[in-house]
């Protein structure tokens, strides 16, 4: 692990520690003894359901990527897909605005023999579908239960609104990059010209020549993928399942805590709004921001003390446990690949 990644790991751990402390500190009635009793008394069947959903977030990410790859001739197994998903989940969680996730997935995809240009297009398609899945689910929640947002604090409302705008902008931008490769080329070529004028780049023509060759491959991959509508629908399906698996962690946590179906469904919808709102801040894993919106929403449903317990457990399983599992998968995959090269 290079120094830059190590620094972000340390920063992420510090932010995580501060976020957990802030959640506990804001609740005057929080009791470590009562929280332990809450966990011990939780229904094990529903806790198991939450654990399965935690794993599902990684698995469905991998399924979407491998199915897109297979559509353009690069069929890879479920194990490979799981590694791609774990790499994305882990590095997205420890880098600002999730910028490290896709490069990490791309690294493993290239090791598995998928060309770099094809990898770029595959991950771009998956990112579009990931974004559209959240917009789709968020739209449904807004139509049927926007009252949940209206009960939240002003800051939570602002975060959700800004997050929605950013999601729409990202979806349009990603779509343009996929369908309008000429726009992508102009952006890259403009960046090269700018660096040349600032005398920060030499041999610009050589790089531009490589860019032209790469863009030809990019356009071909893009043409093949966008022509496969069934695959795009399937990719959207897997990404929707991935989003839902994360939301259902909170649902099962509330069911485990004996809150019943009605409140658990409200929490499921709240979790969707949390995902929308946490998109607007470039903090690793949206730590702090996601916790704030979750706590705000949970307290409106079950009160301060129980809402704090639920938030810690739900966030712990859907995010922190997911990161640890993803990290283990990535480390094991790296060790296996290293051994195979010997």
C-alpha atoms as a PDB file:
ATOM      1  CA  UNK A   1       0.000   0.000   0.000  1.00  0.00           C
ATOM      2  CA  UNK A   2       1.479   3.342  -1.035  1.00  0.00           C
ATOM      3  CA  UNK A   3       1.771   6.320   1.333  1.00  0.00           C
ATOM      4  CA  UNK A   4      -1.194   8.175  -0.152  1.00  0.00           C
ATOM      5  CA  UNK A   5      -3.549   5.234   0.386  1.00  0.00           C
ATOM      6  CA  UNK A   6      -2.168   4.671   3.873  1.00  0.00           C
ATOM      7  CA  UNK A   7      -2.839   8.312   4.745  1.00  0.00           C
ATOM      8  CA  UNK A   8      -6.455   7.976   3.608  1.00  0.00           C
ATOM      9  CA  UNK A   9      -6.865   4.788   5.620  1.00  0.00           C
ATOM     10  CA  UNK A  10      -5.700   6.635   8.738  1.00  0.00           C
ATOM     11  CA  UNK A  11      -7.936   9.625   7.964  1.00  0.00           C
ATOM     12  CA  UNK A  12     -10.909   7.311   7.390  1.00  0.00           C
ATOM     13  CA  UNK A  13     -10.327   5.559  10.731  1.00  0.00           C
ATOM     14  CA  UNK A  14     -10.170   8.923  12.513  1.00  0.00           C
ATOM     15  CA  UNK A  15     -13.364  10.128  10.810  1.00  0.00           C
ATOM     16  CA  UNK A  16     -15.081   6.838  11.655  1.00  0.00           C
ATOM     17  CA  UNK A  17     -14.053   7.136  15.292  1.00  0.00           C
ATOM     18  CA  UNK A  18     -15.244  10.735  15.463  1.00  0.00           C
ATOM     19  CA  UNK A  19     -18.568   9.844  13.783  1.00  0.00           C
ATOM     20  CA  UNK A  20     -19.293   7.052  16.258  1.00  0.00           C
ATOM     21  CA  UNK A  21     -18.298   9.292  19.179  1.00  0.00           C
ATOM     22  CA  UNK A  22     -20.548  12.086  17.876  1.00  0.00           C
ATOM     23  CA  UNK A  23     -23.545   9.739  17.587  1.00  0.00           C
ATOM     24  CA  UNK A  24     -23.065   8.505  21.144  1.00  0.00           C
ATOM     25  CA  UNK A  25     -22.265  11.931  22.598  1.00  0.00           C
ATOM     26  CA  UNK A  26     -25.386  13.607  21.213  1.00  0.00           C
ATOM     27  CA  UNK A  27     -27.629  11.160  23.088  1.00  0.00           C
ATOM     28  CA  UNK A  28     -27.865  12.141  26.748  1.00  0.00           C
ATOM     29  CA  UNK A  29     -29.636   8.855  27.523  1.00  0.00           C
ATOM     30  CA  UNK A  30     -27.107   6.535  25.858  1.00  0.00           C
ATOM     31  CA  UNK A  31     -26.001   3.640  28.065  1.00  0.00           C
ATOM     32  CA  UNK A  32     -23.357   1.123  27.070  1.00  0.00           C
ATOM     33  CA  UNK A  33     -25.023  -1.456  29.348  1.00  0.00           C
ATOM     34  CA  UNK A  34     -28.442  -0.914  27.773  1.00  0.00           C
ATOM     35  CA  UNK A  35     -26.922  -1.014  24.289  1.00  0.00           C
ATOM     36  CA  UNK A  36     -25.270  -4.345  25.074  1.00  0.00           C
ATOM     37  CA  UNK A  37     -28.590  -5.663  26.395  1.00  0.00           C
ATOM     38  CA  UNK A  38     -30.300  -4.415  23.212  1.00  0.00           C
ATOM     39  CA  UNK A  39     -27.879  -6.433  21.066  1.00  0.00           C
ATOM     40  CA  UNK A  40     -28.184  -9.570  23.235  1.00  0.00           C
ATOM     41  CA  UNK A  41     -31.992  -9.435  23.117  1.00  0.00           C
ATOM     42  CA  UNK A  42     -32.167  -8.817  19.345  1.00  0.00           C
ATOM     43  CA  UNK A  43     -33.901 -11.518  17.299  1.00  0.00           C
ATOM     44  CA  UNK A  44     -31.087 -13.627  15.826  1.00  0.00           C
ATOM     45  CA  UNK A  45     -33.086 -14.498  12.696  1.00  0.00           C
ATOM     46  CA  UNK A  46     -33.364 -10.882  11.638  1.00  0.00           C
ATOM     47  CA  UNK A  47     -29.757 -10.155  12.593  1.00  0.00           C
ATOM     48  CA  UNK A  48     -28.796 -12.992  10.230  1.00  0.00           C
ATOM     49  CA  UNK A  49     -30.946 -11.354   7.553  1.00  0.00           C
ATOM     50  CA  UNK A  50     -29.077  -8.083   8.046  1.00  0.00           C
ATOM     51  CA  UNK A  51     -25.742  -9.929   7.783  1.00  0.00           C
ATOM     52  CA  UNK A  52     -26.789 -11.575   4.511  1.00  0.00           C
ATOM     53  CA  UNK A  53     -27.805  -8.188   3.114  1.00  0.00           C
ATOM     54  CA  UNK A  54     -24.395  -6.801   4.111  1.00  0.00           C
ATOM     55  CA  UNK A  55     -22.746  -9.504   2.001  1.00  0.00           C
ATOM     56  CA  UNK A  56     -25.275  -8.867  -0.754  1.00  0.00           C
ATOM     57  CA  UNK A  57     -24.011  -5.315  -1.202  1.00  0.00           C
ATOM     58  CA  UNK A  58     -20.617  -6.698  -2.248  1.00  0.00           C
ATOM     59  CA  UNK A  59     -21.976  -9.653  -4.225  1.00  0.00           C
ATOM     60  CA  UNK A  60     -24.472  -7.712  -6.343  1.00  0.00           C
ATOM     61  CA  UNK A  61     -21.836  -5.110  -7.214  1.00  0.00           C
ATOM     62  CA  UNK A  62     -19.646  -7.903  -8.548  1.00  0.00           C
ATOM     63  CA  UNK A  63     -22.511  -9.534 -10.437  1.00  0.00           C
ATOM     64  CA  UNK A  64     -23.291  -6.295 -12.270  1.00  0.00           C
ATOM     65  CA  UNK A  65     -19.658  -5.761 -13.323  1.00  0.00           C
ATOM     66  CA  UNK A  66     -19.053  -9.343 -14.474  1.00  0.00           C
ATOM     67  CA  UNK A  67     -22.288  -9.437 -16.495  1.00  0.00           C
ATOM     68  CA  UNK A  68     -21.408  -6.204 -18.283  1.00  0.00           C
ATOM     69  CA  UNK A  69     -17.916  -7.568 -18.974  1.00  0.00           C
ATOM     70  CA  UNK A  70     -19.400 -10.813 -20.299  1.00  0.00           C
ATOM     71  CA  UNK A  71     -21.588  -8.883 -22.736  1.00  0.00           C
ATOM     72  CA  UNK A  72     -18.526  -7.659 -24.626  1.00  0.00           C
ATOM     73  CA  UNK A  73     -16.709 -10.972 -24.594  1.00  0.00           C
ATOM     74  CA  UNK A  74     -14.880 -11.012 -21.255  1.00  0.00           C
ATOM     75  CA  UNK A  75     -16.663 -13.670 -19.247  1.00  0.00           C
ATOM     76  CA  UNK A  76     -15.401 -14.000 -15.704  1.00  0.00           C
ATOM     77  CA  UNK A  77     -16.556 -16.110 -12.753  1.00  0.00           C
ATOM     78  CA  UNK A  78     -18.565 -15.148  -9.696  1.00  0.00           C
ATOM     79  CA  UNK A  79     -15.411 -15.202  -7.565  1.00  0.00           C
ATOM     80  CA  UNK A  80     -13.766 -12.665  -9.885  1.00  0.00           C
ATOM     81  CA  UNK A  81     -16.864 -10.502  -9.760  1.00  0.00           C
ATOM     82  CA  UNK A  82     -16.931 -10.621  -5.964  1.00  0.00           C
ATOM     83  CA  UNK A  83     -13.334  -9.385  -5.877  1.00  0.00           C
ATOM     84  CA  UNK A  84     -14.214  -6.518  -8.253  1.00  0.00           C
ATOM     85  CA  UNK A  85     -17.139  -5.585  -6.015  1.00  0.00           C
ATOM     86  CA  UNK A  86     -15.109  -5.815  -2.800  1.00  0.00           C
ATOM     87  CA  UNK A  87     -12.319  -3.657  -4.235  1.00  0.00           C
ATOM     88  CA  UNK A  88     -14.824  -0.987  -5.248  1.00  0.00           C
ATOM     89  CA  UNK A  89     -16.643  -1.045  -1.895  1.00  0.00           C
ATOM     90  CA  UNK A  90     -13.464  -0.915   0.202  1.00  0.00           C
ATOM     91  CA  UNK A  91     -11.552   1.772  -1.664  1.00  0.00           C
ATOM     92  CA  UNK A  92     -14.693   3.861  -2.229  1.00  0.00           C
ATOM     93  CA  UNK A  93     -15.165   3.929   1.540  1.00  0.00           C
ATOM     94  CA  UNK A  94     -11.669   5.209   2.337  1.00  0.00           C
ATOM     95  CA  UNK A  95     -11.243   7.829  -0.417  1.00  0.00           C
ATOM     96  CA  UNK A  96     -12.961  11.216  -0.912  1.00  0.00           C
ATOM     97  CA  UNK A  97     -16.058  11.078  -3.143  1.00  0.00           C
ATOM     98  CA  UNK A  98     -15.436   7.330  -3.613  1.00  0.00           C
ATOM     99  CA  UNK A  99     -12.689   8.157  -6.149  1.00  0.00           C
ATOM    100  CA  UNK A 100     -10.576   5.102  -5.316  1.00  0.00           C
ATOM    101  CA  UNK A 101     -13.222   2.440  -5.847  1.00  0.00           C
ATOM    102  CA  UNK A 102     -13.285   2.124  -9.613  1.00  0.00           C
ATOM    103  CA  UNK A 103      -9.489   2.277 -10.109  1.00  0.00           C
ATOM    104  CA  UNK A 104      -9.179  -0.564  -7.579  1.00  0.00           C
ATOM    105  CA  UNK A 105     -11.768  -2.638  -9.471  1.00  0.00           C
ATOM    106  CA  UNK A 106     -10.009  -1.812 -12.729  1.00  0.00           C
ATOM    107  CA  UNK A 107      -6.713  -3.068 -11.282  1.00  0.00           C
ATOM    108  CA  UNK A 108      -8.140  -6.526 -10.634  1.00  0.00           C
ATOM    109  CA  UNK A 109      -9.989  -6.584 -13.956  1.00  0.00           C
ATOM    110  CA  UNK A 110      -6.781  -5.844 -15.859  1.00  0.00           C
ATOM    111  CA  UNK A 111      -4.998  -8.576 -13.868  1.00  0.00           C
ATOM    112  CA  UNK A 112      -7.745 -10.932 -15.059  1.00  0.00           C
ATOM    113  CA  UNK A 113      -6.967 -10.113 -18.678  1.00  0.00           C
ATOM    114  CA  UNK A 114      -9.602  -7.474 -19.445  1.00  0.00           C
ATOM    115  CA  UNK A 115      -8.057  -4.640 -21.535  1.00  0.00           C
ATOM    116  CA  UNK A 116      -7.836  -1.221 -19.912  1.00  0.00           C
ATOM    117  CA  UNK A 117     -10.126   0.491 -22.438  1.00  0.00           C
ATOM    118  CA  UNK A 118     -12.808  -2.189 -22.058  1.00  0.00           C
ATOM    119  CA  UNK A 119     -12.471  -1.938 -18.282  1.00  0.00           C
ATOM    120  CA  UNK A 120     -13.093   1.821 -18.427  1.00  0.00           C
ATOM    121  CA  UNK A 121     -16.300   1.375 -20.417  1.00  0.00           C
ATOM    122  CA  UNK A 122     -17.524  -1.523 -18.244  1.00  0.00           C
ATOM    123  CA  UNK A 123     -17.059   0.458 -15.036  1.00  0.00           C
ATOM    124  CA  UNK A 124     -18.618   3.563 -16.575  1.00  0.00           C
ATOM    125  CA  UNK A 125     -21.737   1.597 -17.550  1.00  0.00           C
ATOM    126  CA  UNK A 126     -21.919   0.131 -14.058  1.00  0.00           C
ATOM    127  CA  UNK A 127     -21.534   3.586 -12.509  1.00  0.00           C
ATOM    128  CA  UNK A 128     -24.399   4.892 -14.653  1.00  0.00           C
ATOM    129  CA  UNK A 129     -26.636   2.015 -13.585  1.00  0.00           C
ATOM    130  CA  UNK A 130     -25.595   2.408  -9.936  1.00  0.00           C
ATOM    131  CA  UNK A 131     -26.597   6.077 -10.083  1.00  0.00           C
ATOM    132  CA  UNK A 132     -29.843   5.402 -11.963  1.00  0.00           C
ATOM    133  CA  UNK A 133     -30.798   2.684  -9.478  1.00  0.00           C
ATOM    134  CA  UNK A 134     -30.589   5.155  -6.586  1.00  0.00           C
ATOM    135  CA  UNK A 135     -32.502   7.807  -8.556  1.00  0.00           C
ATOM    136  CA  UNK A 136     -35.174   5.228  -9.369  1.00  0.00           C
ATOM    137  CA  UNK A 137     -35.572   4.055  -5.769  1.00  0.00           C
ATOM    138  CA  UNK A 138     -35.351   7.607  -4.437  1.00  0.00           C
ATOM    139  CA  UNK A 139     -38.048   8.710  -6.866  1.00  0.00           C
ATOM    140  CA  UNK A 140     -40.384   5.932  -5.702  1.00  0.00           C
ATOM    141  CA  UNK A 141     -39.783   6.834  -2.051  1.00  0.00           C
ATOM    142  CA  UNK A 142     -40.453  10.520  -2.796  1.00  0.00           C
ATOM    143  CA  UNK A 143     -43.743   9.706  -4.524  1.00  0.00           C
ATOM    144  CA  UNK A 144     -45.126   7.510  -1.773  1.00  0.00           C
ATOM    145  CA  UNK A 145     -43.439   8.692   1.453  1.00  0.00           C
ATOM    146  CA  UNK A 146     -42.055  12.205   1.058  1.00  0.00           C
ATOM    147  CA  UNK A 147     -43.586  12.917   4.466  1.00  0.00           C
ATOM    148  CA  UNK A 148     -40.591  11.118   5.987  1.00  0.00           C
ATOM    149  CA  UNK A 149     -38.304  13.817   4.571  1.00  0.00           C
ATOM    150  CA  UNK A 150     -40.623  16.568   5.742  1.00  0.00           C
ATOM    151  CA  UNK A 151     -40.294  15.349   9.339  1.00  0.00           C
ATOM    152  CA  UNK A 152     -36.512  15.657   9.229  1.00  0.00           C
ATOM    153  CA  UNK A 153     -34.375  18.585  10.346  1.00  0.00           C
ATOM    154  CA  UNK A 154     -33.638  21.420   7.929  1.00  0.00           C
ATOM    155  CA  UNK A 155     -30.035  20.332   7.370  1.00  0.00           C
ATOM    156  CA  UNK A 156     -31.122  16.799   6.454  1.00  0.00           C
ATOM    157  CA  UNK A 157     -33.631  18.200   3.957  1.00  0.00           C
ATOM    158  CA  UNK A 158     -30.971  20.404   2.380  1.00  0.00           C
ATOM    159  CA  UNK A 159     -28.540  17.480   2.107  1.00  0.00           C
ATOM    160  CA  UNK A 160     -31.183  15.288   0.459  1.00  0.00           C
ATOM    161  CA  UNK A 161     -32.167  18.005  -2.038  1.00  0.00           C
ATOM    162  CA  UNK A 162     -28.550  18.816  -2.940  1.00  0.00           C
ATOM    163  CA  UNK A 163     -27.741  15.113  -3.156  1.00  0.00           C
ATOM    164  CA  UNK A 164     -30.649  14.598  -5.570  1.00  0.00           C
ATOM    165  CA  UNK A 165     -29.446  17.417  -7.826  1.00  0.00           C
ATOM    166  CA  UNK A 166     -25.903  16.019  -7.839  1.00  0.00           C
ATOM    167  CA  UNK A 167     -27.169  12.525  -8.678  1.00  0.00           C
ATOM    168  CA  UNK A 168     -29.142  13.841 -11.664  1.00  0.00           C
ATOM    169  CA  UNK A 169     -26.101  15.796 -12.844  1.00  0.00           C
ATOM    170  CA  UNK A 170     -23.855  12.753 -12.490  1.00  0.00           C
ATOM    171  CA  UNK A 171     -26.285  10.520 -14.365  1.00  0.00           C
ATOM    172  CA  UNK A 172     -26.420  12.961 -17.283  1.00  0.00           C
ATOM    173  CA  UNK A 173     -22.626  13.417 -17.296  1.00  0.00           C
ATOM    174  CA  UNK A 174     -21.909   9.681 -17.236  1.00  0.00           C
ATOM    175  CA  UNK A 175     -24.441   9.056 -19.986  1.00  0.00           C
ATOM    176  CA  UNK A 176     -22.818  11.726 -22.152  1.00  0.00           C
ATOM    177  CA  UNK A 177     -19.400  10.143 -21.642  1.00  0.00           C
ATOM    178  CA  UNK A 178     -20.780   6.778 -22.714  1.00  0.00           C
ATOM    179  CA  UNK A 179     -22.907   7.832 -25.682  1.00  0.00           C
ATOM    180  CA  UNK A 180     -20.924  10.885 -26.785  1.00  0.00           C
ATOM    181  CA  UNK A 181     -17.337   9.715 -26.925  1.00  0.00           C
ATOM    182  CA  UNK A 182     -16.498  12.875 -28.883  1.00  0.00           C
ATOM    183  CA  UNK A 183     -17.265  14.907 -25.753  1.00  0.00           C
ATOM    184  CA  UNK A 184     -14.929  12.670 -23.755  1.00  0.00           C
ATOM    185  CA  UNK A 185     -12.241  13.159 -26.400  1.00  0.00           C
ATOM    186  CA  UNK A 186     -12.628  16.948 -26.361  1.00  0.00           C
ATOM    187  CA  UNK A 187     -12.245  16.985 -22.575  1.00  0.00           C
ATOM    188  CA  UNK A 188      -9.034  14.911 -22.716  1.00  0.00           C
ATOM    189  CA  UNK A 189      -7.644  16.810 -25.699  1.00  0.00           C
ATOM    190  CA  UNK A 190      -8.447  20.143 -24.047  1.00  0.00           C
ATOM    191  CA  UNK A 191      -6.595  19.028 -20.932  1.00  0.00           C
ATOM    192  CA  UNK A 192      -3.552  18.140 -23.073  1.00  0.00           C
ATOM    193  CA  UNK A 193      -3.612  21.552 -24.787  1.00  0.00           C
ATOM    194  CA  UNK A 194      -3.853  23.272 -21.422  1.00  0.00           C
ATOM    195  CA  UNK A 195      -0.873  21.376 -20.038  1.00  0.00           C
ATOM    196  CA  UNK A 196       1.129  22.169 -23.198  1.00  0.00           C
ATOM    197  CA  UNK A 197       0.409  25.894 -22.930  1.00  0.00           C
ATOM    198  CA  UNK A 198       1.512  25.861 -19.307  1.00  0.00           C
ATOM    199  CA  UNK A 199       4.685  24.034 -20.388  1.00  0.00           C
ATOM    200  CA  UNK A 200       3.845  21.193 -18.040  1.00  0.00           C
ATOM    201  CA  UNK A 201       3.725  18.569 -20.774  1.00  0.00           C
ATOM    202  CA  UNK A 202       6.244  17.493 -23.349  1.00  0.00           C
ATOM    203  CA  UNK A 203       5.716  15.194 -26.335  1.00  0.00           C
ATOM    204  CA  UNK A 204       2.067  16.153 -26.456  1.00  0.00           C
ATOM    205  CA  UNK A 205       1.643  14.808 -29.982  1.00  0.00           C
ATOM    206  CA  UNK A 206       2.832  11.359 -28.956  1.00  0.00           C
ATOM    207  CA  UNK A 207       0.333  11.291 -26.097  1.00  0.00           C
ATOM    208  CA  UNK A 208      -2.376  12.625 -28.401  1.00  0.00           C
ATOM    209  CA  UNK A 209      -1.649   9.812 -30.851  1.00  0.00           C
ATOM    210  CA  UNK A 210      -2.127   7.261 -28.077  1.00  0.00           C
ATOM    211  CA  UNK A 211      -5.294   9.068 -27.040  1.00  0.00           C
ATOM    212  CA  UNK A 212      -6.700   8.732 -30.569  1.00  0.00           C
ATOM    213  CA  UNK A 213      -5.976   5.006 -30.604  1.00  0.00           C
ATOM    214  CA  UNK A 214      -7.499   4.560 -27.157  1.00  0.00           C
ATOM    215  CA  UNK A 215     -10.599   6.559 -28.129  1.00  0.00           C
ATOM    216  CA  UNK A 216     -11.123   4.306 -31.145  1.00  0.00           C
ATOM    217  CA  UNK A 217     -11.188   1.283 -28.817  1.00  0.00           C
ATOM    218  CA  UNK A 218     -13.364   3.167 -26.319  1.00  0.00           C
ATOM    219  CA  UNK A 219     -15.925   4.030 -28.997  1.00  0.00           C
ATOM    220  CA  UNK A 220     -16.040   0.432 -30.207  1.00  0.00           C
ATOM    221  CA  UNK A 221     -16.629  -0.917 -26.679  1.00  0.00           C
ATOM    222  CA  UNK A 222     -19.214   1.807 -26.050  1.00  0.00           C
ATOM    223  CA  UNK A 223     -21.012   0.954 -29.315  1.00  0.00           C
ATOM    224  CA  UNK A 224     -21.153  -2.741 -28.450  1.00  0.00           C
ATOM    225  CA  UNK A 225     -22.420  -2.159 -24.902  1.00  0.00           C
ATOM    226  CA  UNK A 226     -25.061   0.458 -25.708  1.00  0.00           C
ATOM    227  CA  UNK A 227     -26.413  -1.859 -28.392  1.00  0.00           C
ATOM    228  CA  UNK A 228     -27.113  -4.587 -25.825  1.00  0.00           C
ATOM    229  CA  UNK A 229     -30.303  -3.345 -24.208  1.00  0.00           C
ATOM    230  CA  UNK A 230     -31.012  -6.622 -22.390  1.00  0.00           C
ATOM    231  CA  UNK A 231     -27.618  -6.436 -20.704  1.00  0.00           C
ATOM    232  CA  UNK A 232     -28.218  -2.817 -19.666  1.00  0.00           C
ATOM    233  CA  UNK A 233     -31.534  -3.806 -18.096  1.00  0.00           C
ATOM    234  CA  UNK A 234     -29.809  -6.666 -16.274  1.00  0.00           C
ATOM    235  CA  UNK A 235     -27.047  -4.352 -15.033  1.00  0.00           C
ATOM    236  CA  UNK A 236     -29.713  -1.969 -13.733  1.00  0.00           C
ATOM    237  CA  UNK A 237     -31.420  -4.914 -12.025  1.00  0.00           C
ATOM    238  CA  UNK A 238     -28.235  -6.010 -10.210  1.00  0.00           C
ATOM    239  CA  UNK A 239     -27.457  -2.448  -9.140  1.00  0.00           C
ATOM    240  CA  UNK A 240     -30.982  -2.015  -7.830  1.00  0.00           C
ATOM    241  CA  UNK A 241     -30.570  -5.200  -5.789  1.00  0.00           C
ATOM    242  CA  UNK A 242     -27.279  -3.849  -4.477  1.00  0.00           C
ATOM    243  CA  UNK A 243     -28.902  -0.639  -3.301  1.00  0.00           C
ATOM    244  CA  UNK A 244     -31.828  -2.523  -1.764  1.00  0.00           C
ATOM    245  CA  UNK A 245     -29.518  -4.931   0.060  1.00  0.00           C
ATOM    246  CA  UNK A 246     -27.936  -1.965   1.844  1.00  0.00           C
ATOM    247  CA  UNK A 247     -31.326  -0.467   2.732  1.00  0.00           C
ATOM    248  CA  UNK A 248     -32.621  -3.812   4.019  1.00  0.00           C
ATOM    249  CA  UNK A 249     -29.824  -4.018   6.588  1.00  0.00           C
ATOM    250  CA  UNK A 250     -31.589  -1.257   8.515  1.00  0.00           C
ATOM    251  CA  UNK A 251     -34.965  -2.934   7.927  1.00  0.00           C
ATOM    252  CA  UNK A 252     -33.767  -6.203   9.494  1.00  0.00           C
ATOM    253  CA  UNK A 253     -32.067  -4.377  12.370  1.00  0.00           C
ATOM    254  CA  UNK A 254     -35.376  -2.736  13.286  1.00  0.00           C
ATOM    255  CA  UNK A 255     -37.204  -6.042  12.923  1.00  0.00           C
ATOM    256  CA  UNK A 256     -34.558  -7.651  15.166  1.00  0.00           C
ATOM    257  CA  UNK A 257     -35.225  -4.926  17.723  1.00  0.00           C
ATOM    258  CA  UNK A 258     -38.939  -5.796  17.775  1.00  0.00           C
ATOM    259  CA  UNK A 259     -40.156  -2.597  16.088  1.00  0.00           C
ATOM    260  CA  UNK A 260     -42.600  -4.329  13.771  1.00  0.00           C
ATOM    261  CA  UNK A 261     -43.172  -4.189  10.025  1.00  0.00           C
ATOM    262  CA  UNK A 262     -44.577  -0.646   9.746  1.00  0.00           C
ATOM    263  CA  UNK A 263     -41.677   1.112  11.460  1.00  0.00           C
ATOM    264  CA  UNK A 264     -39.138  -1.144   9.751  1.00  0.00           C
ATOM    265  CA  UNK A 265     -40.520  -0.200   6.328  1.00  0.00           C
ATOM    266  CA  UNK A 266     -40.299   3.480   7.282  1.00  0.00           C
ATOM    267  CA  UNK A 267     -36.652   2.927   8.185  1.00  0.00           C
ATOM    268  CA  UNK A 268     -36.070   1.151   4.867  1.00  0.00           C
ATOM    269  CA  UNK A 269     -37.383   4.234   3.040  1.00  0.00           C
ATOM    270  CA  UNK A 270     -35.400   6.530   5.342  1.00  0.00           C
ATOM    271  CA  UNK A 271     -32.261   4.637   4.397  1.00  0.00           C
ATOM    272  CA  UNK A 272     -32.899   5.421   0.738  1.00  0.00           C
ATOM    273  CA  UNK A 273     -33.057   9.135   1.534  1.00  0.00           C
ATOM    274  CA  UNK A 274     -29.853   8.759   3.579  1.00  0.00           C
ATOM    275  CA  UNK A 275     -28.055   7.380   0.502  1.00  0.00           C
ATOM    276  CA  UNK A 276     -29.338  10.258  -1.639  1.00  0.00           C
ATOM    277  CA  UNK A 277     -28.359  12.926   0.887  1.00  0.00           C
ATOM    278  CA  UNK A 278     -24.917  11.525   1.644  1.00  0.00           C
ATOM    279  CA  UNK A 279     -23.886  11.897  -2.014  1.00  0.00           C
ATOM    280  CA  UNK A 280     -23.342  15.636  -1.700  1.00  0.00           C
ATOM    281  CA  UNK A 281     -20.293  15.671   0.589  1.00  0.00           C
ATOM    282  CA  UNK A 282     -16.791  14.524  -0.543  1.00  0.00           C
ATOM    283  CA  UNK A 283     -15.977  12.693   2.693  1.00  0.00           C
ATOM    284  CA  UNK A 284     -14.720   9.071   2.654  1.00  0.00           C
ATOM    285  CA  UNK A 285     -17.746   6.825   2.985  1.00  0.00           C
ATOM    286  CA  UNK A 286     -19.912   9.901   3.679  1.00  0.00           C
ATOM    287  CA  UNK A 287     -18.997   9.280   7.316  1.00  0.00           C
ATOM    288  CA  UNK A 288     -20.611  11.739   9.655  1.00  0.00           C
ATOM    289  CA  UNK A 289     -23.084  12.946   7.042  1.00  0.00           C
ATOM    290  CA  UNK A 290     -24.799   9.569   6.594  1.00  0.00           C
ATOM    291  CA  UNK A 291     -24.772   9.090  10.370  1.00  0.00           C
ATOM    292  CA  UNK A 292     -26.423  12.475  10.911  1.00  0.00           C
ATOM    293  CA  UNK A 293     -29.265  11.849   8.438  1.00  0.00           C
ATOM    294  CA  UNK A 294     -29.781   8.286   9.711  1.00  0.00           C
ATOM    295  CA  UNK A 295     -29.971   9.450  13.314  1.00  0.00           C
ATOM    296  CA  UNK A 296     -32.336  12.265  12.397  1.00  0.00           C
ATOM    297  CA  UNK A 297     -34.656   9.885  10.563  1.00  0.00           C
ATOM    298  CA  UNK A 298     -34.487   7.086  13.132  1.00  0.00           C
ATOM    299  CA  UNK A 299     -35.237   9.388  16.061  1.00  0.00           C
ATOM    300  CA  UNK A 300     -38.389  10.565  14.297  1.00  0.00           C
ATOM    301  CA  UNK A 301     -39.553   6.953  14.206  1.00  0.00           C
ATOM    302  CA  UNK A 302     -38.508   5.455  17.571  1.00  0.00           C
ATOM    303  CA  UNK A 303     -37.174   8.302  19.709  1.00  0.00           C
ATOM    304  CA  UNK A 304     -33.685   9.396  20.716  1.00  0.00           C
ATOM    305  CA  UNK A 305     -32.372   6.521  22.847  1.00  0.00           C
ATOM    306  CA  UNK A 306     -33.596   3.620  20.710  1.00  0.00           C
ATOM    307  CA  UNK A 307     -32.828   5.558  17.522  1.00  0.00           C
ATOM    308  CA  UNK A 308     -29.187   5.873  18.641  1.00  0.00           C
ATOM    309  CA  UNK A 309     -28.905   2.136  19.344  1.00  0.00           C
ATOM    310  CA  UNK A 310     -30.487   1.295  16.000  1.00  0.00           C
ATOM    311  CA  UNK A 311     -28.263   3.729  14.104  1.00  0.00           C
ATOM    312  CA  UNK A 312     -25.049   2.361  15.584  1.00  0.00           C
ATOM    313  CA  UNK A 313     -26.011  -1.238  14.821  1.00  0.00           C
ATOM    314  CA  UNK A 314     -27.413  -0.555  11.337  1.00  0.00           C
ATOM    315  CA  UNK A 315     -24.496   1.642  10.311  1.00  0.00           C
ATOM    316  CA  UNK A 316     -22.052  -0.793  11.855  1.00  0.00           C
ATOM    317  CA  UNK A 317     -23.372  -3.673   9.750  1.00  0.00           C
ATOM    318  CA  UNK A 318     -24.191  -1.879   6.490  1.00  0.00           C
ATOM    319  CA  UNK A 319     -20.986   0.160   6.348  1.00  0.00           C
ATOM    320  CA  UNK A 320     -18.196  -0.686   8.798  1.00  0.00           C
ATOM    321  CA  UNK A 321     -18.642  -4.464   8.687  1.00  0.00           C
ATOM    322  CA  UNK A 322     -18.988  -4.265   4.905  1.00  0.00           C
ATOM    323  CA  UNK A 323     -15.650  -2.417   4.687  1.00  0.00           C
ATOM    324  CA  UNK A 324     -13.880  -5.003   6.857  1.00  0.00           C
ATOM    325  CA  UNK A 325     -15.264  -7.912   4.817  1.00  0.00           C
ATOM    326  CA  UNK A 326     -14.328  -6.174   1.573  1.00  0.00           C
ATOM    327  CA  UNK A 327     -10.798  -5.513   2.852  1.00  0.00           C
ATOM    328  CA  UNK A 328     -10.375  -9.197   3.743  1.00  0.00           C
ATOM    329  CA  UNK A 329     -11.559 -10.272   0.270  1.00  0.00           C
ATOM    330  CA  UNK A 330      -9.146  -7.821  -1.395  1.00  0.00           C
ATOM    331  CA  UNK A 331      -6.180  -8.964   0.715  1.00  0.00           C
ATOM    332  CA  UNK A 332      -6.932 -12.646   0.063  1.00  0.00           C
ATOM    333  CA  UNK A 333      -7.306 -11.973  -3.687  1.00  0.00           C
ATOM    334  CA  UNK A 334      -3.963 -10.164  -3.784  1.00  0.00           C
ATOM    335  CA  UNK A 335      -2.234 -12.986  -1.917  1.00  0.00           C
ATOM    336  CA  UNK A 336      -3.725 -15.636  -4.226  1.00  0.00           C
ATOM    337  CA  UNK A 337      -2.680 -13.738  -7.350  1.00  0.00           C
ATOM    338  CA  UNK A 338       0.800 -13.216  -5.959  1.00  0.00           C
ATOM    339  CA  UNK A 339       1.174 -16.936  -5.232  1.00  0.00           C
ATOM    340  CA  UNK A 340      -0.040 -17.851  -8.717  1.00  0.00           C
ATOM    341  CA  UNK A 341       2.609 -15.632 -10.300  1.00  0.00           C
ATOM    342  CA  UNK A 342       5.402 -17.531  -8.518  1.00  0.00           C
END
